[in-house]
Amino acid sequence: MDELLNEGKATVQVLKSLDKWYGVTYKEDKPVVVAAIQSLKDSGLYPEKLWEEK
């Protein structure tokens, strides 16, 4: 992305969000993220089949 920006071939818009960001940097992070995503599914904020093609 940096290269495209520097060459003027792309632009980036940064969006603000109040939602919590989850990332998996270390294998120990995975259970926390899996639980957070499941909670979002259970509450109806995320679809049950998040990555299913339609």
Protein backbone atom coordinates (compact mmCIF):
# COMPACT_ATOMS: atom_id res chain seq x y z
CA MET A 1 0.00 0.00 0.00
CA ASP A 2 2.84 2.36 0.86
CA GLU A 3 4.26 2.00 -2.64
CA LEU A 4 0.91 2.70 -4.30
CA LEU A 5 0.36 5.75 -2.10
CA ASN A 6 3.82 7.11 -2.85
CA GLU A 7 3.27 6.63 -6.59
CA GLY A 8 -0.10 8.40 -6.42
CA LYS A 9 -1.87 5.26 -7.64
CA ALA A 10 -4.07 4.83 -4.57
CA THR A 11 -5.71 6.72 -1.76
CA VAL A 12 -6.74 5.57 1.68
CA GLN A 13 -9.58 6.77 3.84
CA VAL A 14 -9.28 6.06 7.56
CA LEU A 15 -12.60 5.51 9.26
CA LYS A 16 -13.18 6.02 12.98
CA SER A 17 -15.06 3.45 14.99
CA LEU A 18 -15.99 3.10 18.63
CA ASP A 19 -15.96 -0.70 18.28
CA LYS A 20 -13.19 -2.75 19.86
CA TRP A 21 -10.49 -4.05 17.52
CA TYR A 22 -9.37 -7.67 17.88
CA GLY A 23 -6.19 -9.07 16.43
CA VAL A 24 -4.25 -12.31 16.64
CA THR A 25 -0.57 -11.62 16.94
CA TYR A 26 0.35 -14.60 19.08
CA LYS A 27 -1.25 -18.04 19.33
CA GLU A 28 -2.25 -17.16 22.89
CA ASP A 29 -4.46 -14.38 21.45
CA LYS A 30 -6.68 -16.76 19.50
CA PRO A 31 -9.04 -17.94 22.29
CA VAL A 32 -9.86 -14.35 23.28
CA VAL A 33 -10.64 -13.38 19.68
CA VAL A 34 -12.67 -16.53 19.01
CA ALA A 35 -14.74 -15.86 22.13
CA ALA A 36 -15.25 -12.20 21.17
CA ILE A 37 -16.43 -13.11 17.67
CA GLN A 38 -18.78 -15.75 19.09
CA SER A 39 -20.21 -13.15 21.47
CA LEU A 40 -20.85 -10.81 18.54
CA LYS A 41 -22.59 -13.66 16.69
CA ASP A 42 -24.66 -14.58 19.75
CA SER A 43 -25.81 -10.97 20.16
CA GLY A 44 -26.83 -10.78 16.50
CA LEU A 45 -24.26 -8.13 15.55
CA TYR A 46 -22.40 -10.61 13.33
CA PRO A 47 -24.02 -13.29 11.16
CA GLU A 48 -23.59 -16.86 12.39
CA LYS A 49 -21.76 -17.85 9.19
CA LEU A 50 -19.45 -14.84 9.00
CA TRP A 51 -17.30 -15.96 6.06
CA GLU A 52 -19.83 -17.94 4.07
CA GLU A 53 -20.17 -16.94 0.42
CA LYS A 54 -23.67 -16.03 -0.69
